Amino acid sequence: MATIYETSDGKQFNESDNAMASHQAREHQEKLDRASSSSSGTSSSNTNAGVNSIENFTKSLDMLSNNNDRAMIYILRAQEYYKLKQYHNAIEDCKKAIELNPAKEETAKEIMAQCQKFAN
């Protein structure tokens, strides 16, 4: 019998459902975004939140097999790399997102263009 998980918004997933990891990563990112926008925290706390987000997105990538979900996580992680001024990492994640799901090309190219302004 499969284990059933429930997210904070009441959605249920079984342990083999790739959507759970993707949903949890997005939910976590939304919490971090709310926390960083409502706090007047130092750049150190923002850096820590960014590093934590990257770690969580990386863990999610390890759990996902669906290319569409993986592409979305690469985009989200690229955005965090951009915030941390890790432009080369952001560009690499964008390239991977496009490779996995060409429909993400427009979003990925927008992030890449911003990164390339600062990467040189």
Protein backbone atom coordinates (compact mmCIF):
# COMPACT_ATOMS: atom_id res chain seq x y z
CA MET A 1 0.00 0.00 0.00
CA ALA A 2 1.35 3.40 -1.02
CA THR A 3 1.95 6.08 1.55
CA ILE A 4 -0.23 9.16 1.06
CA TYR A 5 1.26 12.62 1.70
CA GLU A 6 -0.67 15.82 2.19
CA THR A 7 0.66 19.28 1.48
CA SER A 8 -0.16 22.34 3.55
CA ASP A 9 -2.90 23.30 1.08
CA GLY A 10 -4.62 19.92 1.43
CA LYS A 11 -3.45 18.31 -1.83
CA GLN A 12 -2.64 14.63 -1.56
CA PHE A 13 0.08 12.69 -3.35
CA ASN A 14 1.36 9.14 -3.17
CA GLU A 15 5.04 8.45 -2.71
CA SER A 16 5.62 7.78 -6.41
CA ASP A 17 4.02 11.01 -7.56
CA ASN A 18 6.56 13.41 -9.04
CA ALA A 19 4.18 16.31 -8.63
CA MET A 20 4.62 16.20 -4.86
CA ALA A 21 8.28 17.19 -4.98
CA SER A 22 7.59 19.91 -7.50
CA HIS A 23 4.68 21.25 -5.46
CA GLN A 24 6.72 21.25 -2.26
CA ALA A 25 9.56 23.13 -3.93
CA ARG A 26 7.18 25.79 -5.26
CA GLU A 27 5.42 26.03 -1.89
CA HIS A 28 8.74 26.44 -0.12
CA GLN A 29 9.83 29.12 -2.59
CA GLU A 30 6.59 31.05 -2.04
CA LYS A 31 7.19 30.99 1.72
CA LEU A 32 10.74 32.24 1.24
CA ASP A 33 9.57 34.98 -1.11
CA ARG A 34 6.94 36.13 1.39
CA ALA A 35 9.47 36.08 4.22
CA SER A 36 12.10 38.03 2.32
CA SER A 37 9.65 40.63 1.04
CA SER A 38 8.12 41.23 4.46
CA SER A 39 11.36 41.37 6.39
CA SER A 40 13.88 44.11 6.54
CA GLY A 41 16.57 41.46 7.06
CA THR A 42 20.20 41.87 6.31
CA SER A 43 21.83 40.71 3.12
CA SER A 44 23.27 37.83 5.14
CA SER A 45 19.81 36.48 5.95
CA ASN A 46 18.77 36.91 2.31
CA THR A 47 21.88 35.02 1.24
CA ASN A 48 21.08 32.21 3.66
CA ALA A 49 17.53 32.00 2.35
CA GLY A 50 18.85 31.86 -1.22
CA VAL A 51 21.32 29.11 -0.38
CA ASN A 52 18.57 27.15 1.38
CA SER A 53 16.32 27.54 -1.65
CA ILE A 54 19.04 26.27 -3.95
CA GLU A 55 19.62 23.26 -1.71
CA ASN A 56 15.89 22.48 -1.64
CA PHE A 57 15.57 22.82 -5.40
CA THR A 58 18.55 20.52 -5.87
CA LYS A 59 16.93 17.91 -3.60
CA SER A 60 13.71 18.23 -5.60
CA LEU A 61 15.61 17.61 -8.83
CA ASP A 62 16.92 14.35 -7.38
CA MET A 63 13.34 13.23 -6.66
CA LEU A 64 11.73 14.19 -9.97
CA SER A 65 11.67 12.23 -13.21
CA ASN A 66 9.16 14.32 -15.17
CA ASN A 67 11.03 16.66 -17.53
CA ASN A 68 8.42 19.43 -17.28
CA ASP A 69 8.68 19.48 -13.49
CA ARG A 70 12.47 19.29 -13.61
CA ALA A 71 12.59 22.20 -16.08
CA MET A 72 10.47 24.33 -13.72
CA ILE A 73 12.79 23.55 -10.81
CA TYR A 74 15.83 24.49 -12.92
CA ILE A 75 14.14 27.83 -13.71
CA LEU A 76 13.38 28.47 -10.03
CA ARG A 77 16.93 27.53 -9.03
CA ALA A 78 18.33 29.79 -11.78
CA GLN A 79 16.36 32.68 -10.31
CA GLU A 80 17.93 32.02 -6.91
CA TYR A 81 21.41 31.83 -8.44
CA TYR A 82 20.71 35.18 -10.13
CA LYS A 83 19.69 36.77 -6.81
CA LEU A 84 22.96 35.51 -5.31
CA LYS A 85 24.93 36.91 -8.28
CA GLN A 86 25.99 33.40 -9.30
CA TYR A 87 25.31 34.23 -12.92
CA HIS A 88 27.19 31.36 -14.55
CA ASN A 89 25.25 28.81 -12.46
CA ALA A 90 21.99 30.55 -13.39
CA ILE A 91 22.84 30.40 -17.08
CA GLU A 92 23.67 26.68 -16.86
CA ASP A 93 20.34 25.97 -15.13
CA CYS A 94 18.49 27.90 -17.83
CA LYS A 95 20.21 25.89 -20.54
CA LYS A 96 19.22 22.66 -18.77
CA ALA A 97 15.60 23.86 -18.44
CA ILE A 98 15.41 24.55 -22.18
CA GLU A 99 16.92 21.15 -22.93
CA LEU A 100 14.31 19.41 -20.75
CA ASN A 101 11.34 21.49 -21.87
CA PRO A 102 11.65 23.82 -24.88
CA ALA A 103 8.41 25.54 -23.79
CA LYS A 104 10.45 27.16 -20.98
CA GLU A 105 12.78 28.80 -23.51
CA GLU A 106 11.29 32.30 -23.30
CA THR A 107 11.50 32.45 -19.50
CA ALA A 108 14.97 30.91 -19.46
CA LYS A 109 16.27 33.31 -22.09
CA GLU A 110 15.00 36.29 -20.11
CA ILE A 111 16.96 35.14 -17.06
CA MET A 112 20.00 34.35 -19.19
CA ALA A 113 19.93 37.82 -20.76
CA GLN A 114 19.92 39.45 -17.31
CA CYS A 115 22.76 37.19 -16.16
CA GLN A 116 24.88 37.87 -19.22
CA LYS A 117 24.79 41.60 -18.46
CA PHE A 118 26.65 40.93 -15.22
CA ALA A 119 28.55 37.68 -15.88
CA ASN A 120 31.40 39.25 -17.83
